[in-house]
Full PDB file with SEQRES, HELIX, SHEET, SSBOND, CRYST1, ORIGX, SCALE, CONECT and MASTER records, all heavy atoms in Angstrom:
SEQRES   1 A   36  ALA LEU LEU LEU VAL MET VAL ALA VAL SER VAL ALA GLY          
SEQRES   2 A   36  VAL HIS PRO VAL ILE SER ILE SER THR ALA HIS GLY LEU          
SEQRES   3 A   36  LEU ALA PRO MET SER PRO ASP PRO ASN LEU                      
HELIX    1 AA1 LEU A    2  VAL A   11  1                                  10    
HELIX    2 AA2 PRO A   16  LEU A   27  1                                  12    
HELIX    3 AA3 ALA A   28  MET A   30  5                                   3    
CRYST1    1.000    1.000    1.000  90.00  90.00  90.00 P 1           1          
ORIGX1      1.000000  0.000000  0.000000        0.00000                         
ORIGX2      0.000000  1.000000  0.000000        0.00000                         
ORIGX3      0.000000  0.000000  1.000000        0.00000                         
SCALE1      1.000000  0.000000  0.000000        0.00000                         
SCALE2      0.000000  1.000000  0.000000        0.00000                         
SCALE3      0.000000  0.000000  1.000000        0.00000                         
ATOM      1  N   ALA A   1       0.833  -1.202   0.000  1.00  0.00           N  
ATOM      2  CA  ALA A   1       0.002   0.001   0.001  1.00  0.00           C  
ATOM      3  C   ALA A   1       0.868   1.250   0.000  1.00  0.00           C  
ATOM      4  O   ALA A   1       0.587   2.230  -0.720  1.00  0.00           O  
ATOM      5  CB  ALA A   1      -0.919  -0.017   1.223  1.00  0.00           C  
ATOM      6  N   LEU A   2       1.939   1.225   0.801  1.00  0.00           N  
ATOM      7  CA  LEU A   2       2.865   2.351   0.840  1.00  0.00           C  
ATOM      8  C   LEU A   2       3.503   2.563  -0.530  1.00  0.00           C  
ATOM      9  O   LEU A   2       3.648   3.711  -0.992  1.00  0.00           O  
ATOM     10  CB  LEU A   2       3.938   2.096   1.894  1.00  0.00           C  
ATOM     11  CG  LEU A   2       5.036   3.159   2.039  1.00  0.00           C  
ATOM     12  CD1 LEU A   2       4.439   4.481   2.509  1.00  0.00           C  
ATOM     13  CD2 LEU A   2       6.120   2.678   3.001  1.00  0.00           C  
ATOM     14  N   LEU A   3       3.900   1.477  -1.191  1.00  0.00           N  
ATOM     15  CA  LEU A   3       4.497   1.554  -2.522  1.00  0.00           C  
ATOM     16  C   LEU A   3       3.560   2.256  -3.503  1.00  0.00           C  
ATOM     17  O   LEU A   3       3.978   3.171  -4.236  1.00  0.00           O  
ATOM     18  CB  LEU A   3       4.828   0.142  -3.011  1.00  0.00           C  
ATOM     19  CG  LEU A   3       5.218  -0.011  -4.483  1.00  0.00           C  
ATOM     20  CD1 LEU A   3       6.528   0.709  -4.767  1.00  0.00           C  
ATOM     21  CD2 LEU A   3       5.325  -1.493  -4.852  1.00  0.00           C  
ATOM     22  N   LEU A   4       2.320   1.845  -3.527  1.00  0.00           N  
ATOM     23  CA  LEU A   4       1.354   2.433  -4.462  1.00  0.00           C  
ATOM     24  C   LEU A   4       1.142   3.916  -4.182  1.00  0.00           C  
ATOM     25  O   LEU A   4       1.058   4.727  -5.117  1.00  0.00           O  
ATOM     26  CB  LEU A   4       0.031   1.673  -4.382  1.00  0.00           C  
ATOM     27  CG  LEU A   4       0.083   0.197  -4.770  1.00  0.00           C  
ATOM     28  CD1 LEU A   4      -1.289  -0.451  -4.610  1.00  0.00           C  
ATOM     29  CD2 LEU A   4       0.577   0.025  -6.198  1.00  0.00           C  
ATOM     30  N   VAL A   5       1.069   4.271  -2.901  1.00  0.00           N  
ATOM     31  CA  VAL A   5       0.881   5.681  -2.539  1.00  0.00           C  
ATOM     32  C   VAL A   5       2.093   6.505  -2.966  1.00  0.00           C  
ATOM     33  O   VAL A   5       1.957   7.594  -3.552  1.00  0.00           O  
ATOM     34  CB  VAL A   5       0.626   5.824  -1.026  1.00  0.00           C  
ATOM     35  CG1 VAL A   5       0.675   7.297  -0.619  1.00  0.00           C  
ATOM     36  CG2 VAL A   5      -0.716   5.213  -0.649  1.00  0.00           C  
ATOM     37  N   MET A   6       3.290   6.005  -2.689  1.00  0.00           N  
ATOM     38  CA  MET A   6       4.496   6.776  -3.002  1.00  0.00           C  
ATOM     39  C   MET A   6       4.694   6.924  -4.507  1.00  0.00           C  
ATOM     40  O   MET A   6       5.141   7.969  -4.980  1.00  0.00           O  
ATOM     41  CB  MET A   6       5.717   6.120  -2.358  1.00  0.00           C  
ATOM     42  CG  MET A   6       5.738   6.224  -0.836  1.00  0.00           C  
ATOM     43  SD  MET A   6       7.357   5.860  -0.080  1.00  0.00           S  
ATOM     44  CE  MET A   6       7.491   4.113  -0.465  1.00  0.00           C  
ATOM     45  N   VAL A   7       4.349   5.894  -5.278  1.00  0.00           N  
ATOM     46  CA  VAL A   7       4.451   6.014  -6.735  1.00  0.00           C  
ATOM     47  C   VAL A   7       3.427   7.020  -7.252  1.00  0.00           C  
ATOM     48  O   VAL A   7       3.724   7.826  -8.151  1.00  0.00           O  
ATOM     49  CB  VAL A   7       4.249   4.640  -7.410  1.00  0.00           C  
ATOM     50  CG1 VAL A   7       4.156   4.793  -8.924  1.00  0.00           C  
ATOM     51  CG2 VAL A   7       5.405   3.710  -7.057  1.00  0.00           C  
ATOM     52  N   ALA A   8       2.227   7.008  -6.679  1.00  0.00           N  
ATOM     53  CA  ALA A   8       1.185   7.950  -7.103  1.00  0.00           C  
ATOM     54  C   ALA A   8       1.623   9.395  -6.863  1.00  0.00           C  
ATOM     55  O   ALA A   8       1.442  10.251  -7.726  1.00  0.00           O  
ATOM     56  CB  ALA A   8      -0.123   7.657  -6.359  1.00  0.00           C  
ATOM     57  N   VAL A   9       2.224   9.657  -5.701  1.00  0.00           N  
ATOM     58  CA  VAL A   9       2.656  11.031  -5.433  1.00  0.00           C  
ATOM     59  C   VAL A   9       3.877  11.390  -6.274  1.00  0.00           C  
ATOM     60  O   VAL A   9       4.097  12.566  -6.597  1.00  0.00           O  
ATOM     61  CB  VAL A   9       2.940  11.259  -3.924  1.00  0.00           C  
ATOM     62  CG1 VAL A   9       1.692  11.047  -3.103  1.00  0.00           C  
ATOM     63  CG2 VAL A   9       4.061  10.363  -3.435  1.00  0.00           C  
ATOM     64  N   SER A  10       4.672  10.380  -6.674  1.00  0.00           N  
ATOM     65  CA  SER A  10       5.797  10.637  -7.573  1.00  0.00           C  
ATOM     66  C   SER A  10       5.299  11.090  -8.933  1.00  0.00           C  
ATOM     67  O   SER A  10       5.851  12.015  -9.541  1.00  0.00           O  
ATOM     68  CB  SER A  10       6.663   9.386  -7.730  1.00  0.00           C  
ATOM     69  OG  SER A  10       7.314   9.043  -6.527  1.00  0.00           O  
ATOM     70  N   VAL A  11       4.250  10.436  -9.426  1.00  0.00           N  
ATOM     71  CA  VAL A  11       3.654  10.822 -10.703  1.00  0.00           C  
ATOM     72  C   VAL A  11       3.146  12.255 -10.633  1.00  0.00           C  
ATOM     73  O   VAL A  11       3.213  13.013 -11.615  1.00  0.00           O  
ATOM     74  CB  VAL A  11       2.509   9.865 -11.077  1.00  0.00           C  
ATOM     75  CG1 VAL A  11       1.749  10.372 -12.298  1.00  0.00           C  
ATOM     76  CG2 VAL A  11       3.063   8.469 -11.343  1.00  0.00           C  
ATOM     77  N   ALA A  12       2.676  12.657  -9.463  1.00  0.00           N  
ATOM     78  CA  ALA A  12       2.153  14.017  -9.283  1.00  0.00           C  
ATOM     79  C   ALA A  12       3.261  15.056  -9.148  1.00  0.00           C  
ATOM     80  O   ALA A  12       2.969  16.249  -9.089  1.00  0.00           O  
ATOM     81  CB  ALA A  12       1.257  14.061  -8.051  1.00  0.00           C  
ATOM     82  N   GLY A  13       4.519  14.619  -9.102  1.00  0.00           N  
ATOM     83  CA  GLY A  13       5.612  15.571  -9.059  1.00  0.00           C  
ATOM     84  C   GLY A  13       6.435  15.569  -7.801  1.00  0.00           C  
ATOM     85  O   GLY A  13       7.392  16.347  -7.686  1.00  0.00           O  
ATOM     86  N   VAL A  14       6.095  14.724  -6.834  1.00  0.00           N  
ATOM     87  CA  VAL A  14       6.867  14.648  -5.595  1.00  0.00           C  
ATOM     88  C   VAL A  14       8.024  13.677  -5.799  1.00  0.00           C  
ATOM     89  O   VAL A  14       7.814  12.516  -6.135  1.00  0.00           O  
ATOM     90  CB  VAL A  14       5.984  14.173  -4.422  1.00  0.00           C  
ATOM     91  CG1 VAL A  14       6.814  14.058  -3.149  1.00  0.00           C  
ATOM     92  CG2 VAL A  14       4.835  15.146  -4.214  1.00  0.00           C  
ATOM     93  N   HIS A  15       9.245  14.157  -5.622  1.00  0.00           N  
ATOM     94  CA  HIS A  15      10.413  13.306  -5.852  1.00  0.00           C  
ATOM     95  C   HIS A  15      10.402  12.125  -4.877  1.00  0.00           C  
ATOM     96  O   HIS A  15      10.035  12.284  -3.708  1.00  0.00           O  
ATOM     97  CB  HIS A  15      11.697  14.123  -5.657  1.00  0.00           C  
ATOM     98  CG  HIS A  15      12.919  13.462  -6.213  1.00  0.00           C  
ATOM     99  ND1 HIS A  15      13.543  12.414  -5.591  1.00  0.00           N  
ATOM    100  CD2 HIS A  15      13.626  13.694  -7.346  1.00  0.00           C  
ATOM    101  CE1 HIS A  15      14.583  12.036  -6.303  1.00  0.00           C  
ATOM    102  NE2 HIS A  15      14.657  12.795  -7.378  1.00  0.00           N  
ATOM    103  N   PRO A  16      10.802  10.927  -5.353  1.00  0.00           N  
ATOM    104  CA  PRO A  16      10.807   9.767  -4.460  1.00  0.00           C  
ATOM    105  C   PRO A  16      11.583   9.978  -3.172  1.00  0.00           C  
ATOM    106  O   PRO A  16      11.230   9.398  -2.136  1.00  0.00           O  
ATOM    107  CB  PRO A  16      11.444   8.667  -5.324  1.00  0.00           C  
ATOM    108  CG  PRO A  16      11.109   9.050  -6.725  1.00  0.00           C  
ATOM    109  CD  PRO A  16      11.133  10.546  -6.746  1.00  0.00           C  
ATOM    110  N   VAL A  17      12.639  10.777  -3.223  1.00  0.00           N  
ATOM    111  CA  VAL A  17      13.422  10.974  -2.002  1.00  0.00           C  
ATOM    112  C   VAL A  17      12.592  11.650  -0.917  1.00  0.00           C  
ATOM    113  O   VAL A  17      12.791  11.414   0.279  1.00  0.00           O  
ATOM    114  CB  VAL A  17      14.701  11.791  -2.301  1.00  0.00           C  
ATOM    115  CG1 VAL A  17      14.382  13.244  -2.593  1.00  0.00           C  
ATOM    116  CG2 VAL A  17      15.671  11.709  -1.135  1.00  0.00           C  
ATOM    117  N   ILE A  18      11.615  12.461  -1.319  1.00  0.00           N  
ATOM    118  CA  ILE A  18      10.756  13.135  -0.348  1.00  0.00           C  
ATOM    119  C   ILE A  18       9.816  12.130   0.314  1.00  0.00           C  
ATOM    120  O   ILE A  18       9.702  12.077   1.545  1.00  0.00           O  
ATOM    121  CB  ILE A  18       9.940  14.262  -1.032  1.00  0.00           C  
ATOM    122  CG1 ILE A  18      10.875  15.285  -1.680  1.00  0.00           C  
ATOM    123  CG2 ILE A  18       9.015  14.927  -0.024  1.00  0.00           C  
ATOM    124  CD1 ILE A  18      10.149  16.367  -2.451  1.00  0.00           C  
ATOM    125  N   SER A  19       9.147  11.319  -0.514  1.00  0.00           N  
ATOM    126  CA  SER A  19       8.201  10.352   0.053  1.00  0.00           C  
ATOM    127  C   SER A  19       8.927   9.287   0.866  1.00  0.00           C  
ATOM    128  O   SER A  19       8.430   8.843   1.911  1.00  0.00           O  
ATOM    129  CB  SER A  19       7.378   9.705  -1.064  1.00  0.00           C  
ATOM    130  OG  SER A  19       8.206   9.139  -2.054  1.00  0.00           O  
ATOM    131  N   ILE A  20      10.123   8.869   0.421  1.00  0.00           N  
ATOM    132  CA  ILE A  20      10.881   7.858   1.165  1.00  0.00           C  
ATOM    133  C   ILE A  20      11.350   8.409   2.494  1.00  0.00           C  
ATOM    134  O   ILE A  20      11.249   7.739   3.534  1.00  0.00           O  
ATOM    135  CB  ILE A  20      12.065   7.356   0.321  1.00  0.00           C  
ATOM    136  CG1 ILE A  20      11.561   6.558  -0.887  1.00  0.00           C  
ATOM    137  CG2 ILE A  20      13.013   6.506   1.167  1.00  0.00           C  
ATOM    138  CD1 ILE A  20      12.635   6.192  -1.886  1.00  0.00           C  
ATOM    139  N   SER A  21      11.859   9.635   2.497  1.00  0.00           N  
ATOM    140  CA  SER A  21      12.309  10.248   3.751  1.00  0.00           C  
ATOM    141  C   SER A  21      11.142  10.422   4.723  1.00  0.00           C  
ATOM    142  O   SER A  21      11.286  10.193   5.930  1.00  0.00           O  
ATOM    143  CB  SER A  21      12.962  11.611   3.471  1.00  0.00           C  
ATOM    144  OG  SER A  21      14.110  11.468   2.665  1.00  0.00           O  
ATOM    145  N   THR A  22       9.994  10.812   4.188  1.00  0.00           N  
ATOM    146  CA  THR A  22       8.805  10.972   5.033  1.00  0.00           C  
ATOM    147  C   THR A  22       8.362   9.621   5.601  1.00  0.00           C  
ATOM    148  O   THR A  22       8.051   9.505   6.797  1.00  0.00           O  
ATOM    149  CB  THR A  22       7.659  11.591   4.223  1.00  0.00           C  
ATOM    150  OG1 THR A  22       8.081  12.850   3.669  1.00  0.00           O  
ATOM    151  CG2 THR A  22       6.440  11.815   5.100  1.00  0.00           C  
ATOM    152  N   ALA A  23       8.342   8.603   4.749  1.00  0.00           N  
ATOM    153  CA  ALA A  23       7.941   7.266   5.214  1.00  0.00           C  
ATOM    154  C   ALA A  23       8.879   6.763   6.299  1.00  0.00           C  
ATOM    155  O   ALA A  23       8.437   6.181   7.297  1.00  0.00           O  
ATOM    156  CB  ALA A  23       7.916   6.297   4.034  1.00  0.00           C  
ATOM    157  N   HIS A  24      10.164   6.982   6.115  1.00  0.00           N  
ATOM    158  CA  HIS A  24      11.127   6.531   7.119  1.00  0.00           C  
ATOM    159  C   HIS A  24      10.880   7.211   8.459  1.00  0.00           C  
ATOM    160  O   HIS A  24      10.896   6.572   9.521  1.00  0.00           O  
ATOM    161  CB  HIS A  24      12.542   6.819   6.634  1.00  0.00           C  
ATOM    162  CG  HIS A  24      13.585   6.644   7.696  1.00  0.00           C  
ATOM    163  ND1 HIS A  24      13.801   5.443   8.342  1.00  0.00           N  
ATOM    164  CD2 HIS A  24      14.460   7.534   8.257  1.00  0.00           C  
ATOM    165  CE1 HIS A  24      14.773   5.582   9.230  1.00  0.00           C  
ATOM    166  NE2 HIS A  24      15.183   6.842   9.210  1.00  0.00           N  
ATOM    167  N   GLY A  25      10.628   8.524   8.410  1.00  0.00           N  
ATOM    168  CA  GLY A  25      10.389   9.249   9.652  1.00  0.00           C  
ATOM    169  C   GLY A  25       9.151   8.766  10.384  1.00  0.00           C  
ATOM    170  O   GLY A  25       9.124   8.732  11.622  1.00  0.00           O  
ATOM    171  N   LEU A  26       8.137   8.355   9.631  1.00  0.00           N  
ATOM    172  CA  LEU A  26       6.888   7.920  10.249  1.00  0.00           C  
ATOM    173  C   LEU A  26       6.926   6.458  10.696  1.00  0.00           C  
ATOM    174  O   LEU A  26       6.309   6.091  11.695  1.00  0.00           O  
ATOM    175  CB  LEU A  26       5.730   8.113   9.261  1.00  0.00           C  
ATOM    176  CG  LEU A  26       5.405   9.563   8.875  1.00  0.00           C  
ATOM    177  CD1 LEU A  26       4.305   9.599   7.813  1.00  0.00           C  
ATOM    178  CD2 LEU A  26       4.990  10.370  10.092  1.00  0.00           C  
ATOM    179  N   LEU A  27       7.651   5.627   9.944  1.00  0.00           N  
ATOM    180  CA  LEU A  27       7.631   4.191  10.219  1.00  0.00           C  
ATOM    181  C   LEU A  27       8.740   3.733  11.159  1.00  0.00           C  
ATOM    182  O   LEU A  27       8.652   2.643  11.723  1.00  0.00           O  
ATOM    183  CB  LEU A  27       7.739   3.401   8.907  1.00  0.00           C  
ATOM    184  CG  LEU A  27       6.588   3.578   7.910  1.00  0.00           C  
ATOM    185  CD1 LEU A  27       6.884   2.799   6.636  1.00  0.00           C  
ATOM    186  CD2 LEU A  27       5.268   3.133   8.512  1.00  0.00           C  
ATOM    187  N   ALA A  28       9.775   4.531  11.323  1.00  0.00           N  
ATOM    188  CA  ALA A  28      10.920   4.117  12.138  1.00  0.00           C  
ATOM    189  C   ALA A  28      10.532   3.657  13.544  1.00  0.00           C  
ATOM    190  O   ALA A  28      11.072   2.656  14.046  1.00  0.00           O  
ATOM    191  CB  ALA A  28      11.950   5.239  12.206  1.00  0.00           C  
ATOM    192  N   PRO A  29       9.595   4.350  14.244  1.00  0.00           N  
ATOM    193  CA  PRO A  29       9.240   3.890  15.599  1.00  0.00           C  
ATOM    194  C   PRO A  29       8.663   2.481  15.642  1.00  0.00           C  
ATOM    195  O   PRO A  29       8.690   1.825  16.686  1.00  0.00           O  
ATOM    196  CB  PRO A  29       8.195   4.927  16.051  1.00  0.00           C  
ATOM    197  CG  PRO A  29       8.484   6.143  15.233  1.00  0.00           C  
ATOM    198  CD  PRO A  29       8.923   5.621  13.902  1.00  0.00           C  
ATOM    199  N   MET A  30       8.142   1.977  14.510  1.00  0.00           N  
ATOM    200  CA  MET A  30       7.543   0.643  14.488  1.00  0.00           C  
ATOM    201  C   MET A  30       8.555  -0.444  14.140  1.00  0.00           C  
ATOM    202  O   MET A  30       8.214  -1.626  14.127  1.00  0.00           O  
ATOM    203  CB  MET A  30       6.386   0.617  13.493  1.00  0.00           C  
ATOM    204  CG  MET A  30       5.148   1.308  14.014  1.00  0.00           C  
ATOM    205  SD  MET A  30       3.917   1.570  12.721  1.00  0.00           S  
ATOM    206  CE  MET A  30       4.503   3.083  11.999  1.00  0.00           C  
ATOM    207  N   SER A  31       9.780  -0.052  13.840  1.00  0.00           N  
ATOM    208  CA  SER A  31      10.867  -0.996  13.545  1.00  0.00           C  
ATOM    209  C   SER A  31      10.462  -2.051  12.516  1.00  0.00           C  
ATOM    210  O   SER A  31      10.539  -3.259  12.777  1.00  0.00           O  
ATOM    211  CB  SER A  31      11.343  -1.688  14.830  1.00  0.00           C  
ATOM    212  OG  SER A  31      11.810  -0.741  15.764  1.00  0.00           O  
ATOM    213  N   PRO A  32      10.032  -1.644  11.320  1.00  0.00           N  
ATOM    214  CA  PRO A  32       9.683  -2.639  10.294  1.00  0.00           C  
ATOM    215  C   PRO A  32      10.935  -3.365   9.813  1.00  0.00           C  
ATOM    216  O   PRO A  32      12.063  -2.890  10.027  1.00  0.00           O  
ATOM    217  CB  PRO A  32       9.071  -1.790   9.181  1.00  0.00           C  
ATOM    218  CG  PRO A  32       9.701  -0.441   9.351  1.00  0.00           C  
ATOM    219  CD  PRO A  32       9.890  -0.265  10.823  1.00  0.00           C  
ATOM    220  N   ASP A  33      10.752  -4.504   9.160  1.00  0.00           N  
ATOM    221  CA  ASP A  33      11.895  -5.239   8.640  1.00  0.00           C  
ATOM    222  C   ASP A  33      12.671  -4.352   7.667  1.00  0.00           C  
ATOM    223  O   ASP A  33      12.097  -3.856   6.683  1.00  0.00           O  
ATOM    224  CB  ASP A  33      11.426  -6.501   7.922  1.00  0.00           C  
ATOM    225  CG  ASP A  33      12.583  -7.310   7.368  1.00  0.00           C  
ATOM    226  OD1 ASP A  33      13.216  -8.033   8.140  1.00  0.00           O  
ATOM    227  OD2 ASP A  33      12.872  -7.183   6.158  1.00  0.00           O  
ATOM    228  N   PRO A  34      13.960  -4.120   7.899  1.00  0.00           N  
ATOM    229  CA  PRO A  34      14.710  -3.178   7.062  1.00  0.00           C  
ATOM    230  C   PRO A  34      14.826  -3.611   5.611  1.00  0.00           C  
ATOM    231  O   PRO A  34      14.766  -2.770   4.706  1.00  0.00           O  
ATOM    232  CB  PRO A  34      16.084  -3.112   7.742  1.00  0.00           C  
ATOM    233  CG  PRO A  34      16.185  -4.352   8.558  1.00  0.00           C  
ATOM    234  CD  PRO A  34      14.789  -4.668   8.985  1.00  0.00           C  
ATOM    235  N   ASN A  35      14.981  -4.900   5.362  1.00  0.00           N  
ATOM    236  CA  ASN A  35      15.095  -5.358   3.983  1.00  0.00           C  
ATOM    237  C   ASN A  35      13.778  -5.190   3.229  1.00  0.00           C  
ATOM    238  O   ASN A  35      13.773  -4.814   2.048  1.00  0.00           O  
ATOM    239  CB  ASN A  35      15.530  -6.827   3.946  1.00  0.00           C  
ATOM    240  CG  ASN A  35      16.998  -6.999   4.303  1.00  0.00           C  
ATOM    241  OD1 ASN A  35      17.858  -6.269   3.821  1.00  0.00           O  
ATOM    242  ND2 ASN A  35      17.284  -7.950   5.178  1.00  0.00           N  
ATOM    243  N   LEU A  36      12.662  -5.461   3.914  1.00  0.00           N  
ATOM    244  CA  LEU A  36      11.359  -5.260   3.287  1.00  0.00           C  
ATOM    245  C   LEU A  36      11.165  -3.802   2.904  1.00  0.00           C  
ATOM    246  O   LEU A  36      10.704  -3.489   1.793  1.00  0.00           O  
ATOM    247  CB  LEU A  36      10.242  -5.714   4.231  1.00  0.00           C  
ATOM    248  CG  LEU A  36       8.813  -5.548   3.710  1.00  0.00           C  
ATOM    249  CD1 LEU A  36       8.560  -6.499   2.541  1.00  0.00           C  
ATOM    250  CD2 LEU A  36       7.792  -5.786   4.825  1.00  0.00           C  
TER     251      LEU A  36                                                      
MASTER        0    0    0    3    0    0    0    6  250    1    0    3          
END                                                                             
């Protein structure tokens, strides 16, 4: 779901580095699998 959202906002003009940095900041407290 995160992948689809981030690609959609990339198409709208948001650079992937922005969405990835934002996702990392929000998801880091949950300690998701790093490789995933």
